[in-house]
Amino acid sequence: MCLAIPAKVTELKENRLATVDILGVTRDIALDLTPQAGVGDFVLVHAGFAIEVVDPDYAQETIDLIKQFPELAGEDIPDVVETEAAR
């Protein structure tokens, strides 16, 4: 089973690439499928690609579901909304 994980776009780069924060970890991903995504937007990431732009509430709902299965992502998963407020 594959999951699309919510991530916050923190930096736009050349060639439709972006840096995102995924559960406190930064990764570079491709925005080829979501060219409308900008810094501060939340996207669903699957296999290194942003596949959809989502609102922060949806992103948090997804994080909350992932928290129900800590073996999928570790036990100390930060809240998206709390991460937002701290920045």
PDB file of N, CA and C in Angstrom:
ATOM      1  N   MET A   1       0.843  -1.173   0.000  1.00  0.00           N
ATOM      2  CA  MET A   1       0.000   0.000   0.000  1.00  0.00           C
ATOM      3  C   MET A   1       0.888   1.236   0.000  1.00  0.00           C
ATOM      4  N   CYS A   2       0.523   2.216  -0.784  1.00  0.00           N
ATOM      5  CA  CYS A   2       1.269   3.475  -0.850  1.00  0.00           C
ATOM      6  C   CYS A   2       0.385   4.591  -0.314  1.00  0.00           C
ATOM      7  N   LEU A   3       1.024   5.525   0.365  1.00  0.00           N
ATOM      8  CA  LEU A   3       0.315   6.674   0.915  1.00  0.00           C
ATOM      9  C   LEU A   3       0.826   7.957   0.288  1.00  0.00           C
ATOM     10  N   ALA A   4      -0.036   8.935   0.169  1.00  0.00           N
ATOM     11  CA  ALA A   4       0.369  10.289  -0.179  1.00  0.00           C
ATOM     12  C   ALA A   4       0.404  11.057   1.140  1.00  0.00           C
ATOM     13  N   ILE A   5       1.530  11.654   1.438  1.00  0.00           N
ATOM     14  CA  ILE A   5       1.754  12.313   2.715  1.00  0.00           C
ATOM     15  C   ILE A   5       1.669  13.826   2.545  1.00  0.00           C
ATOM     16  N   PRO A   6       0.970  14.538   3.447  1.00  0.00           N
ATOM     17  CA  PRO A   6       0.920  15.993   3.355  1.00  0.00           C
ATOM     18  C   PRO A   6       2.289  16.606   3.648  1.00  0.00           C
ATOM     19  N   ALA A   7       2.604  17.635   2.901  1.00  0.00           N
ATOM     20  CA  ALA A   7       3.857  18.353   3.085  1.00  0.00           C
ATOM     21  C   ALA A   7       3.615  19.834   2.832  1.00  0.00           C
ATOM     22  N   LYS A   8       4.407  20.663   3.498  1.00  0.00           N
ATOM     23  CA  LYS A   8       4.315  22.110   3.292  1.00  0.00           C
ATOM     24  C   LYS A   8       5.458  22.561   2.399  1.00  0.00           C
ATOM     25  N   VAL A   9       5.127  23.288   1.347  1.00  0.00           N
ATOM     26  CA  VAL A   9       6.145  23.816   0.447  1.00  0.00           C
ATOM     27  C   VAL A   9       6.874  24.949   1.162  1.00  0.00           C
ATOM     28  N   THR A  10       8.201  24.815   1.276  1.00  0.00           N
ATOM     29  CA  THR A  10       8.996  25.831   1.969  1.00  0.00           C
ATOM     30  C   THR A  10       9.876  26.635   1.025  1.00  0.00           C
ATOM     31  N   GLU A  11      10.121  26.094  -0.170  1.00  0.00           N
ATOM     32  CA  GLU A  11      10.977  26.805  -1.125  1.00  0.00           C
ATOM     33  C   GLU A  11      10.690  26.307  -2.533  1.00  0.00           C
ATOM     34  N   LEU A  12      10.588  27.253  -3.473  1.00  0.00           N
ATOM     35  CA  LEU A  12      10.463  26.892  -4.881  1.00  0.00           C
ATOM     36  C   LEU A  12      11.845  26.940  -5.502  1.00  0.00           C
ATOM     37  N   LYS A  13      12.137  25.970  -6.366  1.00  0.00           N
ATOM     38  CA  LYS A  13      13.431  25.882  -7.024  1.00  0.00           C
ATOM     39  C   LYS A  13      13.239  25.868  -8.531  1.00  0.00           C
ATOM     40  N   GLU A  14      14.344  25.811  -9.269  1.00  0.00           N
ATOM     41  CA  GLU A  14      14.280  25.744 -10.720  1.00  0.00           C
ATOM     42  C   GLU A  14      13.747  24.391 -11.173  1.00  0.00           C
ATOM     43  N   ASN A  15      13.325  24.343 -12.420  1.00  0.00           N
ATOM     44  CA  ASN A  15      12.886  23.099 -13.059  1.00  0.00           C
ATOM     45  C   ASN A  15      11.704  22.437 -12.361  1.00  0.00           C
ATOM     46  N   ARG A  16      10.778  23.242 -11.849  1.00  0.00           N
ATOM     47  CA  ARG A  16       9.560  22.743 -11.183  1.00  0.00           C
ATOM     48  C   ARG A  16       9.855  21.849  -9.989  1.00  0.00           C
ATOM     49  N   LEU A  17      10.923  22.161  -9.271  1.00  0.00           N
ATOM     50  CA  LEU A  17      11.242  21.454  -8.037  1.00  0.00           C
ATOM     51  C   LEU A  17      10.926  22.350  -6.852  1.00  0.00           C
ATOM     52  N   ALA A  18      10.727  21.728  -5.695  1.00  0.00           N
ATOM     53  CA  ALA A  18      10.450  22.474  -4.471  1.00  0.00           C
ATOM     54  C   ALA A  18      11.014  21.712  -3.290  1.00  0.00           C
ATOM     55  N   THR A  19      11.322  22.453  -2.248  1.00  0.00           N
ATOM     56  CA  THR A  19      11.668  21.838  -0.970  1.00  0.00           C
ATOM     57  C   THR A  19      10.406  21.860  -0.133  1.00  0.00           C
ATOM     58  N   VAL A  20      10.117  20.730   0.525  1.00  0.00           N
ATOM     59  CA  VAL A  20       8.931  20.629   1.370  1.00  0.00           C
ATOM     60  C   VAL A  20       9.324  20.097   2.739  1.00  0.00           C
ATOM     61  N   ASP A  21       8.468  20.377   3.706  1.00  0.00           N
ATOM     62  CA  ASP A  21       8.597  19.826   5.053  1.00  0.00           C
ATOM     63  C   ASP A  21       7.557  18.727   5.185  1.00  0.00           C
ATOM     64  N   ILE A  22       8.043  17.502   5.394  1.00  0.00           N
ATOM     65  CA  ILE A  22       7.157  16.349   5.569  1.00  0.00           C
ATOM     66  C   ILE A  22       7.370  15.821   6.982  1.00  0.00           C
ATOM     67  N   LEU A  23       6.432  16.097   7.865  1.00  0.00           N
ATOM     68  CA  LEU A  23       6.506  15.610   9.243  1.00  0.00           C
ATOM     69  C   LEU A  23       7.831  15.969   9.898  1.00  0.00           C
ATOM     70  N   GLY A  24       8.312  17.183   9.621  1.00  0.00           N
ATOM     71  CA  GLY A  24       9.544  17.664  10.228  1.00  0.00           C
ATOM     72  C   GLY A  24      10.814  17.334   9.469  1.00  0.00           C
ATOM     73  N   VAL A  25      10.694  16.643   8.347  1.00  0.00           N
ATOM     74  CA  VAL A  25      11.842  16.288   7.520  1.00  0.00           C
ATOM     75  C   VAL A  25      11.728  17.035   6.195  1.00  0.00           C
ATOM     76  N   THR A  26      12.827  17.610   5.715  1.00  0.00           N
ATOM     77  CA  THR A  26      12.780  18.309   4.434  1.00  0.00           C
ATOM     78  C   THR A  26      13.198  17.384   3.304  1.00  0.00           C
ATOM     79  N   ARG A  27      12.525  17.556   2.178  1.00  0.00           N
ATOM     80  CA  ARG A  27      12.793  16.768   0.979  1.00  0.00           C
ATOM     81  C   ARG A  27      12.611  17.679  -0.229  1.00  0.00           C
ATOM     82  N   ASP A  28      13.284  17.335  -1.313  1.00  0.00           N
ATOM     83  CA  ASP A  28      13.025  17.990  -2.586  1.00  0.00           C
ATOM     84  C   ASP A  28      12.060  17.115  -3.369  1.00  0.00           C
ATOM     85  N   ILE A  29      11.062  17.764  -3.955  1.00  0.00           N
ATOM     86  CA  ILE A  29      10.048  17.041  -4.717  1.00  0.00           C
ATOM     87  C   ILE A  29       9.798  17.758  -6.035  1.00  0.00           C
ATOM     88  N   ALA A  30       9.092  17.106  -6.935  1.00  0.00           N
ATOM     89  CA  ALA A  30       8.721  17.688  -8.222  1.00  0.00           C
ATOM     90  C   ALA A  30       7.307  18.258  -8.156  1.00  0.00           C
ATOM     91  N   LEU A  31       7.138  19.423  -8.775  1.00  0.00           N
ATOM     92  CA  LEU A  31       5.820  20.057  -8.839  1.00  0.00           C
ATOM     93  C   LEU A  31       5.216  19.957 -10.238  1.00  0.00           C
ATOM     94  N   ASP A  32       5.677  19.007 -11.033  1.00  0.00           N
ATOM     95  CA  ASP A  32       5.185  18.866 -12.400  1.00  0.00           C
ATOM     96  C   ASP A  32       3.667  18.696 -12.467  1.00  0.00           C
ATOM     97  N   LEU A  33       3.095  18.004 -11.504  1.00  0.00           N
ATOM     98  CA  LEU A  33       1.648  17.737 -11.507  1.00  0.00           C
ATOM     99  C   LEU A  33       0.844  18.822 -10.797  1.00  0.00           C
ATOM    100  N   THR A  34       1.528  19.704 -10.081  1.00  0.00           N
ATOM    101  CA  THR A  34       0.853  20.781  -9.340  1.00  0.00           C
ATOM    102  C   THR A  34       1.604  22.099  -9.540  1.00  0.00           C
ATOM    103  N   PRO A  35       1.658  22.608 -10.767  1.00  0.00           N
ATOM    104  CA  PRO A  35       2.422  23.832 -11.019  1.00  0.00           C
ATOM    105  C   PRO A  35       1.878  25.059 -10.288  1.00  0.00           C
ATOM    106  N   GLN A  36       0.650  24.982  -9.809  1.00  0.00           N
ATOM    107  CA  GLN A  36       0.048  26.104  -9.085  1.00  0.00           C
ATOM    108  C   GLN A  36       0.521  26.195  -7.636  1.00  0.00           C
ATOM    109  N   ALA A  37       1.206  25.184  -7.127  1.00  0.00           N
ATOM    110  CA  ALA A  37       1.649  25.167  -5.726  1.00  0.00           C
ATOM    111  C   ALA A  37       2.697  26.251  -5.503  1.00  0.00           C
ATOM    112  N   GLY A  38       2.585  26.913  -4.349  1.00  0.00           N
ATOM    113  CA  GLY A  38       3.526  27.960  -3.986  1.00  0.00           C
ATOM    114  C   GLY A  38       4.028  27.783  -2.572  1.00  0.00           C
ATOM    115  N   VAL A  39       4.960  28.611  -2.190  1.00  0.00           N
ATOM    116  CA  VAL A  39       5.504  28.564  -0.834  1.00  0.00           C
ATOM    117  C   VAL A  39       4.361  28.772   0.159  1.00  0.00           C
ATOM    118  N   GLY A  40       4.312  27.908   1.167  1.00  0.00           N
ATOM    119  CA  GLY A  40       3.266  27.970   2.184  1.00  0.00           C
ATOM    120  C   GLY A  40       2.087  27.060   1.910  1.00  0.00           C
ATOM    121  N   ASP A  41       1.975  26.567   0.684  1.00  0.00           N
ATOM    122  CA  ASP A  41       0.887  25.647   0.348  1.00  0.00           C
ATOM    123  C   ASP A  41       1.179  24.255   0.894  1.00  0.00           C
ATOM    124  N   PHE A  42       0.119  23.506   1.134  1.00  0.00           N
ATOM    125  CA  PHE A  42       0.236  22.103   1.513  1.00  0.00           C
ATOM    126  C   PHE A  42      -0.073  21.259   0.286  1.00  0.00           C
ATOM    127  N   VAL A  43       0.759  20.261   0.057  1.00  0.00           N
ATOM    128  CA  VAL A  43       0.570  19.353  -1.071  1.00  0.00           C
ATOM    129  C   VAL A  43       0.614  17.918  -0.562  1.00  0.00           C
ATOM    130  N   LEU A  44      -0.028  17.028  -1.298  1.00  0.00           N
ATOM    131  CA  LEU A  44       0.102  15.602  -1.020  1.00  0.00           C
ATOM    132  C   LEU A  44       1.255  15.091  -1.870  1.00  0.00           C
ATOM    133  N   VAL A  45       2.203  14.407  -1.226  1.00  0.00           N
ATOM    134  CA  VAL A  45       3.398  13.925  -1.908  1.00  0.00           C
ATOM    135  C   VAL A  45       3.345  12.407  -2.008  1.00  0.00           C
ATOM    136  N   HIS A  46       3.567  11.929  -3.222  1.00  0.00           N
ATOM    137  CA  HIS A  46       3.636  10.483  -3.478  1.00  0.00           C
ATOM    138  C   HIS A  46       4.768  10.241  -4.463  1.00  0.00           C
ATOM    139  N   ALA A  47       5.688   9.371  -4.094  1.00  0.00           N
ATOM    140  CA  ALA A  47       6.801   8.975  -4.967  1.00  0.00           C
ATOM    141  C   ALA A  47       7.591  10.170  -5.482  1.00  0.00           C
ATOM    142  N   GLY A  48       7.774  11.164  -4.634  1.00  0.00           N
ATOM    143  CA  GLY A  48       8.593  12.308  -4.998  1.00  0.00           C
ATOM    144  C   GLY A  48       7.896  13.383  -5.801  1.00  0.00           C
ATOM    145  N   PHE A  49       6.589  13.243  -6.000  1.00  0.00           N
ATOM    146  CA  PHE A  49       5.808  14.229  -6.741  1.00  0.00           C
ATOM    147  C   PHE A  49       4.683  14.777  -5.878  1.00  0.00           C
ATOM    148  N   ALA A  50       4.457  16.076  -5.957  1.00  0.00           N
ATOM    149  CA  ALA A  50       3.249  16.660  -5.375  1.00  0.00           C
ATOM    150  C   ALA A  50       2.115  16.306  -6.329  1.00  0.00           C
ATOM    151  N   ILE A  51       1.089  15.644  -5.816  1.00  0.00           N
ATOM    152  CA  ILE A  51       0.006  15.190  -6.696  1.00  0.00           C
ATOM    153  C   ILE A  51      -1.266  16.016  -6.539  1.00  0.00           C
ATOM    154  N   GLU A  52      -1.328  16.831  -5.474  1.00  0.00           N
ATOM    155  CA  GLU A  52      -2.525  17.656  -5.249  1.00  0.00           C
ATOM    156  C   GLU A  52      -2.201  18.730  -4.221  1.00  0.00           C
ATOM    157  N   VAL A  53      -2.746  19.933  -4.427  1.00  0.00           N
ATOM    158  CA  VAL A  53      -2.657  20.982  -3.420  1.00  0.00           C
ATOM    159  C   VAL A  53      -3.875  20.817  -2.511  1.00  0.00           C
ATOM    160  N   VAL A  54      -3.650  20.836  -1.188  1.00  0.00           N
ATOM    161  CA  VAL A  54      -4.740  20.649  -0.229  1.00  0.00           C
ATOM    162  C   VAL A  54      -4.721  21.770   0.804  1.00  0.00           C
ATOM    163  N   ASP A  55      -5.847  21.954   1.473  1.00  0.00           N
ATOM    164  CA  ASP A  55      -5.890  22.993   2.505  1.00  0.00           C
ATOM    165  C   ASP A  55      -5.289  22.463   3.808  1.00  0.00           C
ATOM    166  N   PRO A  56      -4.873  23.371   4.713  1.00  0.00           N
ATOM    167  CA  PRO A  56      -4.230  22.950   5.962  1.00  0.00           C
ATOM    168  C   PRO A  56      -5.090  22.019   6.812  1.00  0.00           C
ATOM    169  N   ASP A  57      -6.406  22.219   6.810  1.00  0.00           N
ATOM    170  CA  ASP A  57      -7.285  21.348   7.607  1.00  0.00           C
ATOM    171  C   ASP A  57      -7.251  19.913   7.088  1.00  0.00           C
ATOM    172  N   TYR A  58      -7.277  19.763   5.781  1.00  0.00           N
ATOM    173  CA  TYR A  58      -7.201  18.422   5.191  1.00  0.00           C
ATOM    174  C   TYR A  58      -5.850  17.790   5.508  1.00  0.00           C
ATOM    175  N   ALA A  59      -4.786  18.585   5.405  1.00  0.00           N
ATOM    176  CA  ALA A  59      -3.450  18.078   5.726  1.00  0.00           C
ATOM    177  C   ALA A  59      -3.410  17.589   7.174  1.00  0.00           C
ATOM    178  N   GLN A  60      -3.991  18.362   8.092  1.00  0.00           N
ATOM    179  CA  GLN A  60      -3.989  17.962   9.499  1.00  0.00           C
ATOM    180  C   GLN A  60      -4.820  16.706   9.723  1.00  0.00           C
ATOM    181  N   GLU A  61      -5.960  16.595   9.051  1.00  0.00           N
ATOM    182  CA  GLU A  61      -6.777  15.382   9.165  1.00  0.00           C
ATOM    183  C   GLU A  61      -5.975  14.150   8.756  1.00  0.00           C
ATOM    184  N   THR A  62      -5.211  14.283   7.689  1.00  0.00           N
ATOM    185  CA  THR A  62      -4.403  13.169   7.217  1.00  0.00           C
ATOM    186  C   THR A  62      -3.314  12.818   8.223  1.00  0.00           C
ATOM    187  N   ILE A  63      -2.658  13.835   8.785  1.00  0.00           N
ATOM    188  CA  ILE A  63      -1.642  13.605   9.821  1.00  0.00           C
ATOM    189  C   ILE A  63      -2.277  12.897  11.010  1.00  0.00           C
ATOM    190  N   ASP A  64      -3.464  13.332  11.401  1.00  0.00           N
ATOM    191  CA  ASP A  64      -4.157  12.690  12.528  1.00  0.00           C
ATOM    192  C   ASP A  64      -4.434  11.207  12.240  1.00  0.00           C
ATOM    193  N   LEU A  65      -4.791  10.879  11.005  1.00  0.00           N
ATOM    194  CA  LEU A  65      -5.007   9.471  10.639  1.00  0.00           C
ATOM    195  C   LEU A  65      -3.696   8.693  10.695  1.00  0.00           C
ATOM    196  N   ILE A  66      -2.621   9.296  10.212  1.00  0.00           N
ATOM    197  CA  ILE A  66      -1.318   8.628  10.253  1.00  0.00           C
ATOM    198  C   ILE A  66      -0.897   8.364  11.695  1.00  0.00           C
ATOM    199  N   LYS A  67      -1.224   9.283  12.601  1.00  0.00           N
ATOM    200  CA  LYS A  67      -0.875   9.117  14.012  1.00  0.00           C
ATOM    201  C   LYS A  67      -1.519   7.877  14.633  1.00  0.00           C
ATOM    202  N   GLN A  68      -2.625   7.435  14.043  1.00  0.00           N
ATOM    203  CA  GLN A  68      -3.283   6.242  14.553  1.00  0.00           C
ATOM    204  C   GLN A  68      -2.481   4.977  14.247  1.00  0.00           C
ATOM    205  N   PHE A  69      -1.493   5.114  13.355  1.00  0.00           N
ATOM    206  CA  PHE A  69      -0.632   3.994  12.965  1.00  0.00           C
ATOM    207  C   PHE A  69       0.826   4.429  13.074  1.00  0.00           C
ATOM    208  N   PRO A  70       1.323   4.609  14.316  1.00  0.00           N
ATOM    209  CA  PRO A  70       2.678   5.148  14.495  1.00  0.00           C
ATOM    210  C   PRO A  70       3.764   4.314  13.838  1.00  0.00           C
ATOM    211  N   GLU A  71       3.503   3.038  13.604  1.00  0.00           N
ATOM    212  CA  GLU A  71       4.518   2.212  12.948  1.00  0.00           C
ATOM    213  C   GLU A  71       4.764   2.663  11.504  1.00  0.00           C
ATOM    214  N   LEU A  72       3.842   3.459  10.946  1.00  0.00           N
ATOM    215  CA  LEU A  72       4.022   3.960   9.580  1.00  0.00           C
ATOM    216  C   LEU A  72       5.005   5.124   9.521  1.00  0.00           C
ATOM    217  N   ALA A  73       5.056   5.935  10.569  1.00  0.00           N
ATOM    218  CA  ALA A  73       5.873   7.153  10.473  1.00  0.00           C
ATOM    219  C   ALA A  73       6.582   7.515  11.759  1.00  0.00           C
ATOM    220  N   GLY A  74       6.614   6.659  12.741  1.00  0.00           N
ATOM    221  CA  GLY A  74       7.243   6.995  14.010  1.00  0.00           C
ATOM    222  C   GLY A  74       6.220   7.519  14.990  1.00  0.00           C
ATOM    223  N   GLU A  75       6.597   7.578  16.245  1.00  0.00           N
ATOM    224  CA  GLU A  75       5.631   7.940  17.281  1.00  0.00           C
ATOM    225  C   GLU A  75       5.521   9.439  17.523  1.00  0.00           C
ATOM    226  N   ASP A  76       6.556  10.217  17.224  1.00  0.00           N
ATOM    227  CA  ASP A  76       6.542  11.652  17.503  1.00  0.00           C
ATOM    228  C   ASP A  76       6.246  12.439  16.246  1.00  0.00           C
ATOM    229  N   ILE A  77       5.014  12.373  15.790  1.00  0.00           N
ATOM    230  CA  ILE A  77       4.608  13.067  14.579  1.00  0.00           C
ATOM    231  C   ILE A  77       4.041  14.429  14.976  1.00  0.00           C
ATOM    232  N   PRO A  78       4.634  15.521  14.489  1.00  0.00           N
ATOM    233  CA  PRO A  78       4.118  16.839  14.854  1.00  0.00           C
ATOM    234  C   PRO A  78       2.804  17.138  14.149  1.00  0.00           C
ATOM    235  N   ASP A  79       1.993  17.996  14.756  1.00  0.00           N
ATOM    236  CA  ASP A  79       0.779  18.471  14.115  1.00  0.00           C
ATOM    237  C   ASP A  79       1.156  19.493  13.059  1.00  0.00           C
ATOM    238  N   VAL A  80       0.480  19.474  11.927  1.00  0.00           N
ATOM    239  CA  VAL A  80       0.735  20.443  10.877  1.00  0.00           C
ATOM    240  C   VAL A  80       0.390  21.840  11.377  1.00  0.00           C
ATOM    241  N   VAL A  81      -0.742  21.987  12.030  1.00  0.00           N
ATOM    242  CA  VAL A  81      -1.186  23.293  12.499  1.00  0.00           C
ATOM    243  C   VAL A  81      -0.229  23.837  13.558  1.00  0.00           C
ATOM    244  N   GLU A  82       0.225  22.991  14.491  1.00  0.00           N
ATOM    245  CA  GLU A  82       1.178  23.438  15.501  1.00  0.00           C
ATOM    246  C   GLU A  82       2.491  23.844  14.848  1.00  0.00           C
ATOM    247  N   THR A  83       2.936  23.093  13.860  1.00  0.00           N
ATOM    248  CA  THR A  83       4.164  23.419  13.145  1.00  0.00           C
ATOM    249  C   THR A  83       4.012  24.785  12.492  1.00  0.00           C
ATOM    250  N   GLU A  84       2.829  25.051  11.936  1.00  0.00           N
ATOM    251  CA  GLU A  84       2.541  26.345  11.304  1.00  0.00           C
ATOM    252  C   GLU A  84       2.660  27.476  12.315  1.00  0.00           C
ATOM    253  N   ALA A  85       2.068  27.314  13.480  1.00  0.00           N
ATOM    254  CA  ALA A  85       2.055  28.367  14.491  1.00  0.00           C
ATOM    255  C   ALA A  85       3.443  28.648  15.026  1.00  0.00           C
ATOM    256  N   ALA A  86       4.298  27.635  15.049  1.00  0.00           N
ATOM    257  CA  ALA A  86       5.629  27.797  15.589  1.00  0.00           C
ATOM    258  C   ALA A  86       6.562  28.539  14.642  1.00  0.00           C
ATOM    259  N   ARG A  87       6.184  28.673  13.389  1.00  0.00           N
ATOM    260  CA  ARG A  87       7.073  29.321  12.396  1.00  0.00           C
ATOM    261  C   ARG A  87       6.801  30.753  12.244  1.00  0.00           C
TER     262      ARG A  87
END
